[in-house]
Amino acid sequence: MSEIQMHVARTGQFRRKSDSKTVQRYRCNRCRKHFSNATFRDEYWQKKRHLNFQIFRDLVSGVSQRRVARNFHIARRTVDRKFEFIGRKCLREFLRANERLPRASTVVFDEMETFEHTKCKPLSIPLAVEGHSRRILGFDVATMPSKGKLAKIAVKKYGPRKDLRSQSRLRMFASLKNLVEEGAHFQSDQNHFYPKDLRVSFPKATHEAFKGQRGSIVGQGELKTVRWDPLFSLNHTCAMFRANLNRLFRKTWCTTKKPERLLLHLAMYAYFHNKYLIDH
């Protein structure tokens, strides 16, 4: 018997109202305080913990937060709190699960683009996946200035917008150090900023760049029209992101209002993708 068990005594049970489970209670003989099996869990004080997985499953299946609230007959504010709670938990579990798996030898990376509230305020999403398995290794979110026909309109309406794409790529590459072999083979398109940022975290890695191809009608515009796509692992994963997160749909009214919320939503899908959708 351990020293902790010697100073802890059982003091009955109680039935939790939220999910009707029986929970054991304890008392510390030293400080005389009471606690239970639920005291130190992340879901402590939650009244609707039985809905957590169902809400998580809907949020990574293209369902909006408003529709989740309507489907489960709960307040939108409750869904908003669940969103943040589930997102932060998925981010932790995503990192832990990746660290337990073997290091990747081939990595495919690139960036997706979306926007914050309006297309005049675009966002960049650097993403890295393992070549053969499509396991998501890392991601990040960064602000970027508008381009093309919207550039002048964006500056006039919202002022200059910082370009943080390079810092975001560096953060993503730094997060891959414990997940990728030191001399791994990286693949991407011919963006001329990629080799410089890659060398900072992986000086011994090899890098192969492929010419970008035209997007196909299917696959949310992420899949390419060519017969053989050397970056298929990444492009297919990007298409799945866009198909399963409502804020990333090509034509949607569910837009991102805060970049940090987009990061949590990405973490939800990344965890779901690695745990339930692919074979390791």
Protein backbone atom coordinates (compact mmCIF):
# COMPACT_ATOMS: atom_id res chain seq x y z
CA MET A 1 0.00 0.00 0.00
CA SER A 2 1.42 3.40 -1.01
CA GLU A 3 1.77 6.35 1.36
CA ILE A 4 -1.00 8.21 -0.48
CA GLN A 5 -3.45 5.35 -0.08
CA MET A 6 -2.73 5.21 3.67
CA HIS A 7 -3.95 8.80 4.15
CA VAL A 8 -7.03 8.61 1.89
CA ALA A 9 -10.32 6.99 2.89
CA ARG A 10 -13.44 6.30 0.86
CA THR A 11 -16.47 8.27 1.99
CA GLY A 12 -19.31 7.02 -0.16
CA GLN A 13 -20.50 7.66 -3.68
CA PHE A 14 -22.78 10.01 -5.56
CA ARG A 15 -24.67 9.82 -8.83
CA ARG A 16 -23.68 12.54 -11.24
CA LYS A 17 -26.72 14.24 -12.76
CA SER A 18 -25.19 15.08 -16.16
CA ASP A 19 -24.50 11.50 -17.26
CA SER A 20 -25.99 9.35 -14.44
CA LYS A 21 -22.61 7.80 -13.61
CA THR A 22 -21.67 6.75 -10.08
CA VAL A 23 -18.59 8.61 -8.80
CA GLN A 24 -16.49 7.54 -5.83
CA ARG A 25 -15.77 10.15 -3.11
CA TYR A 26 -12.71 10.30 -0.82
CA ARG A 27 -11.44 12.13 2.26
CA CYS A 28 -7.85 13.06 3.05
CA ASN A 29 -7.10 12.10 6.67
CA ARG A 30 -4.40 14.76 6.89
CA CYS A 31 -6.16 17.90 5.69
CA ARG A 32 -9.72 16.52 6.17
CA LYS A 33 -10.75 17.72 2.69
CA HIS A 34 -13.05 15.76 0.40
CA PHE A 35 -12.61 15.03 -3.29
CA SER A 36 -13.78 12.50 -5.88
CA ASN A 37 -12.68 10.71 -9.04
CA ALA A 38 -14.04 13.65 -11.03
CA THR A 39 -12.25 16.43 -9.15
CA PHE A 40 -9.05 16.48 -11.21
CA ARG A 41 -10.55 15.80 -14.63
CA ASP A 42 -10.71 18.43 -17.36
CA GLU A 43 -14.51 18.19 -17.44
CA TYR A 44 -14.89 19.13 -13.75
CA TRP A 45 -17.94 21.38 -13.17
CA GLN A 46 -19.33 20.71 -16.65
CA LYS A 47 -23.07 20.00 -16.60
CA LYS A 48 -23.30 18.63 -20.15
CA ARG A 49 -20.13 16.60 -20.42
CA HIS A 50 -22.05 13.76 -22.08
CA LEU A 51 -22.39 15.96 -25.19
CA ASN A 52 -18.68 16.67 -25.58
CA PHE A 53 -17.84 13.92 -28.07
CA GLN A 54 -21.03 14.40 -30.08
CA ILE A 55 -20.34 18.15 -30.39
CA PHE A 56 -16.71 17.44 -31.28
CA ARG A 57 -17.80 14.97 -33.98
CA ASP A 58 -20.20 17.51 -35.52
CA LEU A 59 -17.68 20.37 -35.44
CA VAL A 60 -15.23 18.31 -37.53
CA SER A 61 -17.97 17.18 -39.93
CA GLY A 62 -18.94 20.49 -41.49
CA VAL A 63 -21.68 21.44 -39.00
CA SER A 64 -21.86 25.06 -37.84
CA GLN A 65 -21.97 26.07 -34.18
CA ARG A 66 -25.49 27.46 -34.55
CA ARG A 67 -26.73 24.19 -36.02
CA VAL A 68 -25.00 22.23 -33.24
CA ALA A 69 -26.86 24.34 -30.68
CA ARG A 70 -30.18 23.72 -32.44
CA ASN A 71 -29.57 19.96 -32.85
CA PHE A 72 -28.79 19.41 -29.16
CA HIS A 73 -31.28 22.00 -27.82
CA ILE A 74 -28.59 23.98 -25.99
CA ALA A 75 -27.61 27.65 -25.96
CA ARG A 76 -25.14 28.98 -28.53
CA ARG A 77 -23.05 30.27 -25.64
CA THR A 78 -22.76 26.69 -24.36
CA VAL A 79 -21.50 25.54 -27.78
CA ASP A 80 -19.03 28.43 -27.82
CA ARG A 81 -17.59 27.33 -24.47
CA LYS A 82 -17.51 23.70 -25.59
CA PHE A 83 -15.71 24.78 -28.77
CA GLU A 84 -12.86 26.38 -26.82
CA PHE A 85 -12.66 23.54 -24.30
CA ILE A 86 -12.60 20.80 -26.95
CA GLY A 87 -10.19 22.73 -29.15
CA ARG A 88 -7.60 23.21 -26.42
CA LYS A 89 -7.90 19.59 -25.33
CA CYS A 90 -7.53 18.33 -28.92
CA LEU A 91 -4.45 20.50 -29.40
CA ARG A 92 -2.77 18.90 -26.37
CA GLU A 93 -3.78 15.38 -27.39
CA PHE A 94 -2.70 15.98 -31.00
CA LEU A 95 0.82 16.91 -29.87
CA ARG A 96 1.08 14.02 -27.40
CA ALA A 97 -0.15 11.43 -29.88
CA ASN A 98 2.31 12.58 -32.57
CA GLU A 99 5.25 12.37 -30.18
CA ARG A 100 4.45 8.72 -29.44
CA LEU A 101 4.61 7.71 -33.11
CA PRO A 102 7.81 7.03 -35.15
CA ARG A 103 9.51 10.04 -36.69
CA ALA A 104 8.56 10.87 -40.26
CA SER A 105 11.16 10.50 -43.02
CA THR A 106 9.17 12.23 -45.78
CA VAL A 107 7.23 15.45 -45.21
CA VAL A 108 5.01 17.35 -47.65
CA PHE A 109 4.16 20.95 -46.77
CA ASP A 110 2.46 23.99 -48.24
CA GLU A 111 0.00 26.73 -47.28
CA MET A 112 -3.76 27.11 -47.55
CA GLU A 113 -5.49 30.47 -47.61
CA THR A 114 -8.70 31.59 -45.95
CA PHE A 115 -9.87 34.89 -44.49
CA GLU A 116 -10.83 36.61 -41.27
CA HIS A 117 -14.35 38.08 -41.42
CA THR A 118 -13.80 39.43 -44.95
CA LYS A 119 -11.68 38.56 -47.98
CA CYS A 120 -9.90 41.86 -47.46
CA LYS A 121 -8.25 40.29 -44.38
CA PRO A 122 -6.76 36.99 -45.59
CA LEU A 123 -5.11 34.34 -43.42
CA SER A 124 -2.45 31.78 -44.27
CA ILE A 125 -2.43 28.21 -42.90
CA PRO A 126 0.94 26.44 -43.22
CA LEU A 127 0.41 22.69 -43.08
CA ALA A 128 2.77 19.69 -43.00
CA VAL A 129 1.83 16.02 -43.44
CA GLU A 130 3.74 12.75 -43.56
CA GLY A 131 4.22 11.64 -47.16
CA HIS A 132 2.99 8.05 -47.23
CA SER A 133 0.40 8.06 -44.42
CA ARG A 134 -1.07 11.59 -44.67
CA ARG A 135 -0.61 11.95 -40.92
CA ILE A 136 -0.88 15.63 -40.00
CA LEU A 137 2.37 16.72 -38.35
CA GLY A 138 1.94 20.45 -37.83
CA PHE A 139 -0.04 23.57 -38.71
CA ASP A 140 -0.26 27.23 -37.80
CA VAL A 141 -2.20 30.41 -38.66
CA ALA A 142 -0.78 33.75 -39.81
CA THR A 143 -2.08 37.07 -41.09
CA MET A 144 -1.11 38.20 -44.57
CA PRO A 145 -1.83 41.26 -46.72
CA SER A 146 -4.52 41.12 -49.35
CA LYS A 147 -3.44 40.77 -52.97
CA GLY A 148 -4.83 41.17 -56.46
CA LYS A 149 -7.86 43.35 -57.06
CA LEU A 150 -8.69 43.56 -53.36
CA ALA A 151 -5.30 44.93 -52.29
CA LYS A 152 -6.12 48.64 -52.70
CA ILE A 153 -9.60 48.22 -51.26
CA ALA A 154 -8.24 46.38 -48.21
CA VAL A 155 -5.60 49.02 -47.44
CA LYS A 156 -8.13 51.84 -47.85
CA LYS A 157 -10.74 50.16 -45.65
CA TYR A 158 -8.65 48.41 -42.97
CA GLY A 159 -5.16 49.89 -43.27
CA PRO A 160 -1.87 48.03 -43.81
CA ARG A 161 -1.93 44.38 -42.75
CA LYS A 162 1.16 42.61 -41.38
CA ASP A 163 2.63 39.71 -43.31
CA LEU A 164 3.47 37.07 -40.67
CA ARG A 165 3.69 34.07 -42.97
CA SER A 166 7.43 33.57 -42.54
CA GLN A 167 7.19 33.65 -38.72
CA SER A 168 4.31 31.19 -38.90
CA ARG A 169 6.29 28.77 -41.10
CA LEU A 170 9.23 28.98 -38.70
CA ARG A 171 6.95 28.14 -35.77
CA MET A 172 5.54 25.17 -37.64
CA PHE A 173 8.97 23.85 -38.62
CA ALA A 174 10.19 24.27 -35.03
CA SER A 175 7.22 22.19 -33.80
CA LEU A 176 8.28 19.36 -36.15
CA LYS A 177 11.75 18.85 -34.67
CA ASN A 178 10.63 16.02 -32.36
CA LEU A 179 8.38 14.47 -35.01
CA VAL A 180 10.62 14.39 -38.09
CA GLU A 181 14.01 12.81 -38.74
CA GLU A 182 16.92 15.25 -38.88
CA GLY A 183 17.77 14.36 -42.48
CA ALA A 184 14.19 13.96 -43.70
CA HIS A 185 13.11 14.60 -47.28
CA PHE A 186 10.76 17.61 -47.65
CA GLN A 187 8.52 18.26 -50.65
CA SER A 188 6.61 21.41 -51.58
CA ASP A 189 5.77 23.69 -54.48
CA GLN A 190 8.22 26.25 -55.87
CA ASN A 191 7.59 29.04 -53.37
CA HIS A 192 11.00 30.74 -53.16
CA PHE A 193 10.61 31.50 -49.42
CA TYR A 194 10.33 27.84 -48.40
CA PRO A 195 14.00 26.70 -48.68
CA LYS A 196 15.29 29.54 -46.50
CA ASP A 197 12.74 28.95 -43.71
CA LEU A 198 13.24 25.18 -43.87
CA ARG A 199 17.01 25.41 -43.38
CA VAL A 200 16.57 27.23 -40.07
CA SER A 201 15.07 24.16 -38.34
CA PHE A 202 16.31 21.37 -40.64
CA PRO A 203 19.75 22.26 -42.03
CA LYS A 204 20.50 18.61 -42.94
CA ALA A 205 17.18 17.92 -44.65
CA THR A 206 16.73 17.63 -48.41
CA HIS A 207 14.10 19.71 -50.22
CA GLU A 208 12.39 18.92 -53.50
CA ALA A 209 10.18 21.55 -55.17
CA PHE A 210 7.50 20.84 -57.78
CA LYS A 211 5.76 23.23 -60.13
CA GLY A 212 2.27 24.22 -58.98
CA GLN A 213 -0.67 22.81 -60.92
CA ARG A 214 -4.13 24.06 -61.72
CA GLY A 215 -6.85 23.13 -59.24
CA SER A 216 -9.56 20.64 -60.17
CA ILE A 217 -13.30 21.33 -60.00
CA VAL A 218 -13.68 18.64 -57.34
CA GLY A 219 -11.82 18.51 -54.03
CA GLN A 220 -12.68 22.06 -52.93
CA GLY A 221 -10.14 23.35 -55.46
CA GLU A 222 -7.25 21.71 -53.59
CA LEU A 223 -6.92 18.58 -55.75
CA LYS A 224 -5.09 19.07 -59.05
CA THR A 225 -6.09 18.27 -62.65
CA VAL A 226 -2.87 16.34 -63.43
CA ARG A 227 -2.91 12.54 -63.63
CA TRP A 228 -0.12 12.14 -61.07
CA ASP A 229 0.26 14.79 -58.38
CA PRO A 230 3.57 14.56 -56.46
CA LEU A 231 2.02 16.58 -53.62
CA PHE A 232 -1.19 14.51 -53.47
CA SER A 233 -0.77 13.63 -49.77
CA LEU A 234 -0.89 17.29 -48.81
CA ASN A 235 -3.47 18.42 -51.36
CA HIS A 236 -5.86 15.60 -50.39
CA THR A 237 -5.49 16.56 -46.71
CA CYS A 238 -6.15 20.23 -47.53
CA ALA A 239 -9.29 19.19 -49.41
CA MET A 240 -10.45 17.23 -46.36
CA PHE A 241 -9.84 20.27 -44.14
CA ARG A 242 -12.01 22.38 -46.43
CA ALA A 243 -14.72 19.72 -46.68
CA ASN A 244 -15.02 19.12 -42.92
CA LEU A 245 -14.55 22.57 -41.33
CA ASN A 246 -17.45 24.82 -42.24
CA ARG A 247 -15.37 28.00 -41.91
CA LEU A 248 -13.05 26.72 -44.66
CA PHE A 249 -15.75 25.94 -47.23
CA ARG A 250 -15.14 27.68 -50.54
CA LYS A 251 -18.57 29.33 -50.44
CA THR A 252 -19.84 29.77 -46.91
CA TRP A 253 -21.32 32.31 -44.54
CA CYS A 254 -19.54 30.73 -41.54
CA THR A 255 -16.39 32.83 -41.39
CA THR A 256 -13.52 33.10 -38.93
CA LYS A 257 -13.76 36.11 -36.62
CA LYS A 258 -10.57 35.46 -34.64
CA PRO A 259 -7.42 33.65 -35.92
CA GLU A 260 -6.92 31.91 -32.57
CA ARG A 261 -10.36 30.29 -32.94
CA LEU A 262 -9.39 29.04 -36.38
CA LEU A 263 -6.28 27.47 -34.82
CA LEU A 264 -8.45 25.59 -32.30
CA HIS A 265 -10.77 24.37 -35.05
CA LEU A 266 -7.77 23.13 -37.04
CA ALA A 267 -6.55 21.30 -33.93
CA MET A 268 -9.91 19.52 -33.60
CA TYR A 269 -9.82 18.23 -37.15
CA ALA A 270 -6.10 17.35 -37.03
CA TYR A 271 -6.67 15.20 -33.94
CA PHE A 272 -9.78 13.59 -35.46
CA HIS A 273 -7.98 12.98 -38.77
CA ASN A 274 -4.96 11.30 -37.17
CA LYS A 275 -6.93 9.24 -34.68
CA TYR A 276 -9.95 8.08 -36.68
CA LEU A 277 -9.42 8.59 -40.42
CA ILE A 278 -5.97 7.20 -41.26
CA ASP A 279 -4.05 4.01 -40.54
CA HIS A 280 -0.70 4.45 -38.80
